[in-house]
N, C-alpha and C. Protein backbone atom coordinates (compact mmCIF):
# COMPACT_ATOMS: atom_id res chain seq x y z
N UNK A 1 -9.95 -12.74 16.27
CA UNK A 1 -8.89 -11.92 15.71
C UNK A 1 -7.58 -12.55 16.12
N UNK A 2 -6.72 -12.80 15.16
CA UNK A 2 -5.42 -13.38 15.44
C UNK A 2 -4.43 -12.34 15.92
N UNK A 3 -3.50 -12.76 16.74
CA UNK A 3 -2.42 -11.90 17.20
C UNK A 3 -1.11 -12.59 16.86
N UNK A 4 -0.33 -11.97 16.00
CA UNK A 4 0.95 -12.54 15.60
C UNK A 4 2.00 -12.18 16.64
N UNK A 5 2.58 -13.19 17.22
CA UNK A 5 3.63 -12.97 18.20
C UNK A 5 4.94 -13.38 17.56
N UNK A 6 5.73 -12.38 17.17
CA UNK A 6 7.00 -12.66 16.52
C UNK A 6 7.98 -13.30 17.49
N UNK A 7 8.61 -14.36 17.04
CA UNK A 7 9.62 -15.01 17.85
C UNK A 7 10.74 -15.48 16.95
N UNK A 8 11.91 -15.60 17.52
CA UNK A 8 13.05 -16.07 16.76
C UNK A 8 12.95 -17.57 16.56
N UNK A 9 13.38 -18.02 15.38
CA UNK A 9 13.34 -19.44 15.07
C UNK A 9 14.41 -20.20 15.84
N UNK A 10 14.09 -21.43 16.17
CA UNK A 10 15.08 -22.28 16.82
C UNK A 10 16.08 -22.82 15.80
N UNK A 11 15.58 -23.18 14.61
CA UNK A 11 16.43 -23.76 13.60
C UNK A 11 16.21 -23.03 12.28
N UNK A 12 16.88 -21.94 12.07
CA UNK A 12 16.73 -21.21 10.82
C UNK A 12 18.11 -20.83 10.31
N UNK A 13 18.92 -21.82 10.09
CA UNK A 13 20.24 -21.61 9.52
C UNK A 13 21.06 -20.61 10.35
N UNK A 14 20.72 -20.49 11.63
CA UNK A 14 21.39 -19.60 12.56
C UNK A 14 21.44 -18.16 12.07
N UNK A 15 20.36 -17.70 11.43
CA UNK A 15 20.27 -16.32 10.96
C UNK A 15 19.46 -15.53 11.97
N UNK A 16 20.08 -14.50 12.51
CA UNK A 16 19.40 -13.61 13.44
C UNK A 16 19.07 -12.33 12.69
N UNK A 17 17.80 -12.15 12.35
CA UNK A 17 17.41 -10.98 11.56
C UNK A 17 17.73 -9.67 12.27
N UNK A 18 17.68 -9.68 13.58
CA UNK A 18 17.99 -8.46 14.33
C UNK A 18 19.43 -8.00 14.05
N UNK A 19 20.32 -8.96 13.86
CA UNK A 19 21.72 -8.61 13.54
C UNK A 19 21.90 -8.30 12.06
N UNK A 20 20.99 -8.75 11.21
CA UNK A 20 21.10 -8.54 9.76
C UNK A 20 20.56 -7.18 9.31
N UNK A 21 19.69 -6.59 10.11
CA UNK A 21 19.13 -5.27 9.76
C UNK A 21 20.07 -4.21 10.32
N UNK A 22 20.62 -3.39 9.44
CA UNK A 22 21.61 -2.41 9.87
C UNK A 22 21.02 -1.41 10.88
N UNK A 23 21.85 -0.87 11.70
CA UNK A 23 21.43 0.03 12.78
C UNK A 23 20.78 1.32 12.27
N UNK A 24 21.18 1.81 11.11
CA UNK A 24 20.62 3.06 10.59
C UNK A 24 19.45 2.84 9.62
N UNK A 25 18.95 1.61 9.55
CA UNK A 25 17.78 1.34 8.70
C UNK A 25 16.58 2.10 9.28
N UNK A 26 15.87 2.88 8.46
CA UNK A 26 14.72 3.64 8.96
C UNK A 26 13.66 2.78 9.63
N UNK A 27 13.51 1.54 9.21
CA UNK A 27 12.52 0.67 9.82
C UNK A 27 12.85 0.36 11.28
N UNK A 28 14.13 0.39 11.61
CA UNK A 28 14.54 0.14 12.99
C UNK A 28 14.02 1.27 13.89
N UNK A 29 14.19 2.50 13.47
CA UNK A 29 13.69 3.64 14.25
C UNK A 29 12.17 3.62 14.34
N UNK A 30 11.51 3.29 13.24
CA UNK A 30 10.05 3.24 13.22
C UNK A 30 9.55 2.15 14.16
N UNK A 31 10.15 0.98 14.09
CA UNK A 31 9.71 -0.13 14.95
C UNK A 31 9.92 0.18 16.43
N UNK A 32 11.02 0.87 16.73
CA UNK A 32 11.31 1.19 18.13
C UNK A 32 10.43 2.31 18.68
N UNK A 33 9.98 3.22 17.83
CA UNK A 33 9.29 4.41 18.31
C UNK A 33 7.78 4.46 18.03
N UNK A 34 7.32 3.74 17.04
CA UNK A 34 5.90 3.80 16.67
C UNK A 34 5.18 2.58 17.24
N UNK A 35 4.08 2.84 17.92
CA UNK A 35 3.25 1.77 18.47
C UNK A 35 2.13 1.45 17.49
N UNK A 36 2.15 0.26 16.95
CA UNK A 36 1.10 -0.17 16.02
C UNK A 36 0.02 -1.01 16.70
N UNK A 37 0.23 -1.37 17.96
CA UNK A 37 -0.68 -2.30 18.63
C UNK A 37 -2.06 -1.72 18.89
N UNK A 38 -2.21 -0.41 18.88
CA UNK A 38 -3.51 0.20 19.10
C UNK A 38 -4.55 -0.25 18.08
N UNK A 39 -4.08 -0.70 16.91
CA UNK A 39 -5.01 -1.08 15.85
C UNK A 39 -5.86 -2.29 16.26
N UNK A 40 -5.34 -3.17 17.10
CA UNK A 40 -6.11 -4.34 17.53
C UNK A 40 -7.41 -3.93 18.22
N UNK A 41 -7.31 -2.98 19.11
CA UNK A 41 -8.50 -2.50 19.83
C UNK A 41 -9.49 -1.83 18.86
N UNK A 42 -8.97 -1.07 17.92
CA UNK A 42 -9.82 -0.35 16.96
C UNK A 42 -10.64 -1.28 16.07
N UNK A 43 -10.06 -2.40 15.66
CA UNK A 43 -10.73 -3.29 14.71
C UNK A 43 -11.40 -4.50 15.36
N UNK A 44 -11.24 -4.65 16.65
CA UNK A 44 -11.81 -5.82 17.34
C UNK A 44 -13.30 -6.03 17.05
N UNK A 45 -14.13 -4.98 16.96
CA UNK A 45 -15.55 -5.21 16.67
C UNK A 45 -15.82 -5.81 15.29
N UNK A 46 -14.84 -5.77 14.39
CA UNK A 46 -15.02 -6.30 13.04
C UNK A 46 -14.70 -7.78 12.93
N UNK A 47 -14.31 -8.41 14.04
CA UNK A 47 -13.92 -9.81 14.02
C UNK A 47 -14.85 -10.65 14.87
N UNK A 48 -15.06 -11.89 14.44
CA UNK A 48 -15.88 -12.83 15.21
C UNK A 48 -15.01 -13.61 16.18
N UNK A 49 -15.64 -14.54 16.86
CA UNK A 49 -14.92 -15.33 17.85
C UNK A 49 -14.73 -16.78 17.43
N UNK A 50 -15.23 -17.14 16.26
CA UNK A 50 -15.02 -18.49 15.77
C UNK A 50 -14.59 -18.41 14.32
N UNK A 51 -14.21 -19.54 13.77
CA UNK A 51 -13.73 -19.56 12.38
C UNK A 51 -12.22 -19.56 12.34
N UNK A 52 -11.69 -19.33 11.15
CA UNK A 52 -10.24 -19.32 10.98
C UNK A 52 -9.61 -18.13 11.67
N UNK A 53 -8.41 -18.32 12.17
CA UNK A 53 -7.69 -17.22 12.80
C UNK A 53 -7.18 -16.28 11.71
N UNK A 54 -7.37 -15.00 11.93
CA UNK A 54 -6.98 -14.01 10.94
C UNK A 54 -5.51 -13.62 11.10
N UNK A 55 -5.03 -12.88 10.11
CA UNK A 55 -3.70 -12.28 10.22
C UNK A 55 -3.80 -11.15 11.24
N UNK A 56 -2.81 -11.03 12.06
CA UNK A 56 -2.77 -9.99 13.09
C UNK A 56 -2.98 -8.61 12.45
N UNK A 57 -3.94 -7.82 12.93
CA UNK A 57 -4.16 -6.48 12.39
C UNK A 57 -2.92 -5.59 12.44
N UNK A 58 -2.04 -5.81 13.40
CA UNK A 58 -0.79 -5.04 13.46
C UNK A 58 0.05 -5.34 12.22
N UNK A 59 0.11 -6.59 11.80
CA UNK A 59 0.85 -6.97 10.61
C UNK A 59 0.22 -6.32 9.38
N UNK A 60 -1.11 -6.33 9.30
CA UNK A 60 -1.81 -5.71 8.17
C UNK A 60 -1.46 -4.22 8.10
N UNK A 61 -1.52 -3.52 9.22
CA UNK A 61 -1.22 -2.09 9.25
C UNK A 61 0.25 -1.84 8.87
N UNK A 62 1.15 -2.67 9.37
CA UNK A 62 2.56 -2.51 9.02
C UNK A 62 2.80 -2.77 7.53
N UNK A 63 2.09 -3.74 6.97
CA UNK A 63 2.22 -4.00 5.53
C UNK A 63 1.78 -2.79 4.72
N UNK A 64 0.67 -2.20 5.11
CA UNK A 64 0.20 -1.01 4.41
C UNK A 64 1.16 0.16 4.59
N UNK A 65 1.76 0.24 5.78
CA UNK A 65 2.75 1.27 6.03
C UNK A 65 3.95 1.10 5.09
N UNK A 66 4.41 -0.14 4.91
CA UNK A 66 5.52 -0.41 4.00
C UNK A 66 5.16 -0.06 2.56
N UNK A 67 3.92 -0.33 2.20
CA UNK A 67 3.44 -0.03 0.85
C UNK A 67 3.65 1.45 0.54
N UNK A 68 3.30 2.31 1.47
CA UNK A 68 3.43 3.75 1.26
C UNK A 68 4.85 4.24 1.52
N UNK A 69 5.51 3.70 2.51
CA UNK A 69 6.86 4.15 2.85
C UNK A 69 7.82 3.99 1.68
N UNK A 70 7.77 2.84 1.05
CA UNK A 70 8.69 2.57 -0.06
C UNK A 70 8.05 2.73 -1.43
N UNK A 71 6.85 3.30 -1.46
CA UNK A 71 6.16 3.59 -2.72
C UNK A 71 6.08 2.35 -3.62
N UNK A 72 5.68 1.24 -3.02
CA UNK A 72 5.51 0.00 -3.77
C UNK A 72 4.24 0.14 -4.61
N UNK A 73 4.31 -0.28 -5.87
CA UNK A 73 3.23 0.01 -6.81
C UNK A 73 1.92 -0.74 -6.56
N UNK A 74 1.97 -1.88 -5.88
CA UNK A 74 0.73 -2.61 -5.63
C UNK A 74 0.89 -3.54 -4.43
N UNK A 75 -0.23 -3.99 -3.93
CA UNK A 75 -0.22 -4.93 -2.81
C UNK A 75 0.39 -6.26 -3.23
N UNK A 76 0.09 -6.69 -4.45
CA UNK A 76 0.67 -7.94 -4.96
C UNK A 76 2.20 -7.84 -5.01
N UNK A 77 2.68 -6.69 -5.51
CA UNK A 77 4.12 -6.49 -5.59
C UNK A 77 4.74 -6.48 -4.19
N UNK A 78 4.09 -5.84 -3.25
CA UNK A 78 4.59 -5.80 -1.88
C UNK A 78 4.74 -7.22 -1.33
N UNK A 79 3.73 -8.05 -1.54
CA UNK A 79 3.76 -9.40 -0.99
C UNK A 79 4.80 -10.28 -1.70
N UNK A 80 5.19 -9.90 -2.93
CA UNK A 80 6.29 -10.61 -3.60
C UNK A 80 7.64 -10.16 -3.03
N UNK A 81 7.71 -8.90 -2.60
CA UNK A 81 8.96 -8.33 -2.09
C UNK A 81 9.24 -8.77 -0.65
N UNK A 82 8.21 -8.86 0.17
CA UNK A 82 8.39 -9.12 1.61
C UNK A 82 9.33 -10.29 1.90
N UNK A 83 9.14 -11.47 1.29
CA UNK A 83 10.03 -12.58 1.64
C UNK A 83 11.50 -12.36 1.26
N UNK A 84 11.76 -11.42 0.35
CA UNK A 84 13.12 -11.16 -0.12
C UNK A 84 13.84 -10.11 0.72
N UNK A 85 13.09 -9.33 1.47
CA UNK A 85 13.67 -8.21 2.22
C UNK A 85 13.79 -8.56 3.70
N UNK A 86 15.01 -8.74 4.17
CA UNK A 86 15.22 -9.09 5.56
C UNK A 86 14.70 -8.00 6.49
N UNK A 87 14.85 -6.73 6.09
CA UNK A 87 14.37 -5.65 6.96
C UNK A 87 12.85 -5.65 7.05
N UNK A 88 12.17 -6.00 5.96
CA UNK A 88 10.70 -6.10 6.00
C UNK A 88 10.28 -7.23 6.94
N UNK A 89 10.91 -8.40 6.77
CA UNK A 89 10.57 -9.54 7.63
C UNK A 89 10.77 -9.18 9.09
N UNK A 90 11.90 -8.56 9.39
CA UNK A 90 12.21 -8.16 10.77
C UNK A 90 11.18 -7.16 11.29
N UNK A 91 10.84 -6.16 10.49
CA UNK A 91 9.87 -5.13 10.88
C UNK A 91 8.51 -5.74 11.19
N UNK A 92 8.12 -6.73 10.39
CA UNK A 92 6.81 -7.37 10.55
C UNK A 92 6.81 -8.41 11.67
N UNK A 93 7.97 -8.80 12.15
CA UNK A 93 8.06 -9.82 13.19
C UNK A 93 8.05 -11.23 12.63
N UNK A 94 8.34 -11.36 11.35
CA UNK A 94 8.40 -12.67 10.71
C UNK A 94 9.84 -13.15 10.65
N UNK A 95 10.00 -14.46 10.53
CA UNK A 95 11.30 -15.06 10.34
C UNK A 95 11.44 -15.56 8.91
N UNK A 96 12.59 -16.09 8.59
CA UNK A 96 12.85 -16.57 7.24
C UNK A 96 11.91 -17.70 6.83
N UNK A 97 11.50 -18.52 7.78
CA UNK A 97 10.68 -19.68 7.47
C UNK A 97 9.19 -19.46 7.68
N UNK A 98 8.79 -18.27 8.13
CA UNK A 98 7.37 -18.00 8.36
C UNK A 98 6.63 -17.81 7.04
N UNK A 99 5.39 -18.26 7.03
CA UNK A 99 4.56 -18.07 5.84
C UNK A 99 4.05 -16.63 5.81
N UNK A 100 4.23 -16.00 4.67
CA UNK A 100 3.80 -14.62 4.48
C UNK A 100 2.35 -14.64 4.00
N UNK A 101 1.50 -13.73 4.53
CA UNK A 101 0.11 -13.71 4.09
C UNK A 101 -0.03 -13.43 2.60
N UNK A 102 -1.11 -13.88 2.04
CA UNK A 102 -1.44 -13.61 0.65
C UNK A 102 -1.83 -12.14 0.50
N UNK A 103 -1.65 -11.61 -0.70
CA UNK A 103 -2.00 -10.21 -0.95
C UNK A 103 -3.48 -9.93 -0.68
N UNK A 104 -4.32 -10.94 -0.81
CA UNK A 104 -5.75 -10.75 -0.62
C UNK A 104 -6.10 -10.38 0.83
N UNK A 105 -5.19 -10.67 1.76
CA UNK A 105 -5.42 -10.32 3.16
C UNK A 105 -5.62 -8.81 3.30
N UNK A 106 -4.86 -8.04 2.52
CA UNK A 106 -4.96 -6.58 2.62
C UNK A 106 -6.30 -6.07 2.08
N UNK A 107 -6.74 -6.59 0.95
CA UNK A 107 -8.02 -6.14 0.40
C UNK A 107 -9.19 -6.62 1.25
N UNK A 108 -9.07 -7.81 1.83
CA UNK A 108 -10.13 -8.30 2.72
C UNK A 108 -10.21 -7.46 3.99
N UNK A 109 -9.06 -7.07 4.52
CA UNK A 109 -9.05 -6.21 5.72
C UNK A 109 -9.65 -4.86 5.38
N UNK A 110 -9.31 -4.33 4.23
CA UNK A 110 -9.86 -3.03 3.81
C UNK A 110 -11.39 -3.11 3.70
N UNK A 111 -11.88 -4.20 3.15
CA UNK A 111 -13.34 -4.37 3.03
C UNK A 111 -13.99 -4.55 4.39
N UNK A 112 -13.34 -5.29 5.26
CA UNK A 112 -13.89 -5.56 6.59
C UNK A 112 -13.87 -4.30 7.46
N UNK A 113 -12.77 -3.58 7.42
CA UNK A 113 -12.63 -2.42 8.31
C UNK A 113 -13.29 -1.17 7.75
N UNK A 114 -13.37 -1.05 6.43
CA UNK A 114 -13.98 0.12 5.81
C UNK A 114 -12.96 1.19 5.45
N UNK A 115 -13.29 1.96 4.43
CA UNK A 115 -12.39 2.99 3.90
C UNK A 115 -12.07 4.07 4.93
N UNK A 116 -13.08 4.53 5.66
CA UNK A 116 -12.86 5.59 6.65
C UNK A 116 -11.89 5.13 7.74
N UNK A 117 -12.03 3.89 8.15
CA UNK A 117 -11.13 3.34 9.18
C UNK A 117 -9.70 3.32 8.67
N UNK A 118 -9.51 2.86 7.43
CA UNK A 118 -8.17 2.83 6.85
C UNK A 118 -7.58 4.23 6.77
N UNK A 119 -8.37 5.19 6.38
CA UNK A 119 -7.88 6.56 6.28
C UNK A 119 -7.46 7.08 7.66
N UNK A 120 -8.25 6.80 8.68
CA UNK A 120 -7.90 7.21 10.05
C UNK A 120 -6.58 6.57 10.49
N UNK A 121 -6.42 5.28 10.18
CA UNK A 121 -5.20 4.57 10.56
C UNK A 121 -3.98 5.19 9.88
N UNK A 122 -4.12 5.49 8.61
CA UNK A 122 -3.01 6.07 7.85
C UNK A 122 -2.63 7.43 8.43
N UNK A 123 -3.61 8.28 8.65
CA UNK A 123 -3.36 9.61 9.19
C UNK A 123 -2.71 9.51 10.58
N UNK A 124 -3.23 8.63 11.40
CA UNK A 124 -2.69 8.48 12.76
C UNK A 124 -1.24 7.99 12.74
N UNK A 125 -0.94 7.03 11.89
CA UNK A 125 0.41 6.49 11.82
C UNK A 125 1.40 7.52 11.29
N UNK A 126 1.03 8.23 10.23
CA UNK A 126 1.91 9.27 9.68
C UNK A 126 2.09 10.39 10.70
N UNK A 127 1.04 10.76 11.41
CA UNK A 127 1.13 11.81 12.44
C UNK A 127 2.13 11.40 13.53
N UNK A 128 2.12 10.12 13.91
CA UNK A 128 3.10 9.65 14.90
C UNK A 128 4.53 9.81 14.37
N UNK A 129 4.73 9.48 13.10
CA UNK A 129 6.06 9.60 12.50
C UNK A 129 6.51 11.06 12.46
N UNK A 130 5.62 11.96 12.11
CA UNK A 130 5.96 13.38 12.05
C UNK A 130 6.25 13.91 13.46
N UNK A 131 5.41 13.54 14.43
CA UNK A 131 5.60 13.99 15.81
C UNK A 131 6.95 13.55 16.37
N UNK A 132 7.36 12.35 16.03
CA UNK A 132 8.63 11.82 16.54
C UNK A 132 9.83 12.24 15.69
N UNK A 133 9.58 13.03 14.64
CA UNK A 133 10.68 13.50 13.80
C UNK A 133 11.19 12.46 12.82
N UNK A 134 10.43 11.38 12.60
CA UNK A 134 10.85 10.35 11.65
C UNK A 134 10.53 10.74 10.22
N UNK A 135 9.66 11.73 10.05
CA UNK A 135 9.25 12.21 8.74
C UNK A 135 8.94 13.69 8.87
N UNK A 136 9.21 14.45 7.83
CA UNK A 136 8.93 15.88 7.90
C UNK A 136 7.52 16.24 7.46
N UNK A 137 6.76 15.26 6.95
CA UNK A 137 5.38 15.51 6.56
C UNK A 137 5.24 16.27 5.26
N UNK A 138 6.31 16.38 4.47
CA UNK A 138 6.27 17.17 3.24
C UNK A 138 5.94 16.36 2.00
N UNK A 139 6.07 15.03 2.07
CA UNK A 139 5.74 14.20 0.92
C UNK A 139 4.26 13.93 0.90
N UNK A 140 3.72 13.78 -0.29
CA UNK A 140 2.31 13.47 -0.43
C UNK A 140 2.17 12.16 -1.20
N UNK A 141 1.41 11.24 -0.64
CA UNK A 141 1.09 10.00 -1.34
C UNK A 141 -0.39 10.05 -1.69
N UNK A 142 -0.69 9.68 -2.92
CA UNK A 142 -2.08 9.69 -3.35
C UNK A 142 -2.49 8.30 -3.77
N UNK A 143 -3.73 8.00 -3.50
CA UNK A 143 -4.29 6.73 -3.91
C UNK A 143 -4.52 6.79 -5.41
N UNK A 144 -4.11 5.77 -6.13
CA UNK A 144 -4.28 5.78 -7.58
C UNK A 144 -5.47 4.94 -8.02
N UNK A 145 -6.42 4.75 -7.13
CA UNK A 145 -7.61 4.00 -7.47
C UNK A 145 -8.43 4.75 -8.51
N UNK A 146 -9.09 4.01 -9.37
CA UNK A 146 -9.94 4.61 -10.37
C UNK A 146 -11.28 4.94 -9.73
N UNK A 147 -11.65 6.17 -9.74
CA UNK A 147 -12.91 6.63 -9.15
C UNK A 147 -13.79 7.20 -10.25
N UNK A 148 -15.09 6.97 -10.15
CA UNK A 148 -16.03 7.56 -11.09
C UNK A 148 -16.23 9.02 -10.74
N UNK A 149 -15.95 9.90 -11.68
CA UNK A 149 -16.10 11.33 -11.47
C UNK A 149 -17.03 11.85 -12.56
N UNK A 150 -18.00 12.68 -12.22
CA UNK A 150 -18.89 13.23 -13.25
C UNK A 150 -18.09 13.98 -14.31
N UNK A 151 -18.48 13.86 -15.56
CA UNK A 151 -17.73 14.47 -16.66
C UNK A 151 -17.49 15.97 -16.51
N UNK A 152 -18.49 16.78 -16.17
CA UNK A 152 -18.20 18.22 -16.06
C UNK A 152 -17.08 18.51 -15.06
N UNK A 153 -17.06 17.77 -13.95
CA UNK A 153 -16.01 17.96 -12.93
C UNK A 153 -14.65 17.58 -13.49
N UNK A 154 -14.63 16.48 -14.24
CA UNK A 154 -13.38 16.01 -14.82
C UNK A 154 -12.84 17.03 -15.82
N UNK A 155 -13.69 17.53 -16.67
CA UNK A 155 -13.26 18.50 -17.67
C UNK A 155 -12.77 19.80 -17.03
N UNK A 156 -13.42 20.20 -15.96
CA UNK A 156 -13.04 21.45 -15.30
C UNK A 156 -11.65 21.36 -14.68
N UNK A 157 -11.23 20.16 -14.32
CA UNK A 157 -9.94 20.00 -13.66
C UNK A 157 -8.85 19.45 -14.58
N UNK A 158 -9.11 19.39 -15.85
CA UNK A 158 -8.12 18.89 -16.80
C UNK A 158 -7.12 19.99 -17.13
N UNK A 159 -5.85 19.64 -17.12
CA UNK A 159 -4.80 20.58 -17.49
C UNK A 159 -4.71 20.59 -19.00
N UNK A 160 -5.16 21.67 -19.62
CA UNK A 160 -5.23 21.73 -21.08
C UNK A 160 -3.84 21.73 -21.73
N UNK A 161 -2.82 22.25 -21.05
CA UNK A 161 -1.48 22.26 -21.61
C UNK A 161 -0.90 20.85 -21.69
N UNK A 162 -1.36 19.94 -20.83
CA UNK A 162 -0.78 18.61 -20.83
C UNK A 162 -1.43 17.70 -21.87
N UNK A 163 -2.50 18.15 -22.47
CA UNK A 163 -3.19 17.32 -23.46
C UNK A 163 -2.36 17.25 -24.74
N UNK A 164 -2.29 16.07 -25.32
CA UNK A 164 -1.56 15.89 -26.58
C UNK A 164 -2.53 16.05 -27.73
N UNK A 165 -2.02 16.61 -28.80
CA UNK A 165 -2.85 16.66 -30.01
C UNK A 165 -2.83 15.29 -30.66
N UNK A 166 -3.98 14.85 -31.13
CA UNK A 166 -3.99 13.54 -31.81
C UNK A 166 -3.25 13.63 -33.14
N UNK A 167 -2.66 12.53 -33.55
CA UNK A 167 -2.03 12.48 -34.87
C UNK A 167 -3.11 12.76 -35.91
N UNK A 168 -2.68 13.32 -37.06
CA UNK A 168 -3.71 13.67 -38.05
C UNK A 168 -4.42 12.44 -38.60
N UNK A 169 -3.77 11.28 -38.54
CA UNK A 169 -4.41 10.05 -39.02
C UNK A 169 -5.16 9.32 -37.93
N UNK A 170 -5.03 9.80 -36.68
CA UNK A 170 -5.68 9.11 -35.56
C UNK A 170 -7.18 9.34 -35.61
N UNK A 171 -7.91 8.36 -35.20
CA UNK A 171 -9.37 8.47 -35.19
C UNK A 171 -9.79 9.03 -33.86
N UNK A 172 -10.55 10.10 -33.86
CA UNK A 172 -11.04 10.74 -32.65
C UNK A 172 -12.44 10.25 -32.38
N UNK A 173 -12.65 9.71 -31.21
CA UNK A 173 -13.97 9.21 -30.82
C UNK A 173 -14.66 10.28 -29.99
N UNK A 174 -15.83 10.77 -30.41
CA UNK A 174 -16.52 11.80 -29.63
C UNK A 174 -17.02 11.24 -28.31
N UNK A 175 -17.02 12.09 -27.26
CA UNK A 175 -17.49 11.65 -25.96
C UNK A 175 -18.89 12.16 -25.70
């Protein structure tokens, strides 16, 4: 299991990300008050001792946190945004010249760690934010994954007022 140790660059156009992230940026409060390092111990059994070094699990958890915090529509989109956002780079412990992980790192971690583990991590992280007063816990984020649901269950939960009537020339396909 890899451990990413963020350090300031020696030669990076003399840009200090710590000075570039404004003092009232919410990520500053989160980084100072929320401990993400516990995730390493939780996922250690899912990693081997040989092979390629993985992305630090703390970075993976922080990336997922950013995905939900800023309501980014997809993991691919998040990974396109990260190099452009100085506050994201700073929060993750990356510098301007560091290589950002591929979006597939997140889906591979999800597969390796399992859905239940991810759910526990999410709940634990949000609970820390609520406990510290960083969030009021009133917003709800839902996973938009496509899940197979039996038809009777789907029909029972359909909002009939939201259904549109088909155009009179539209072809209706029976289900």
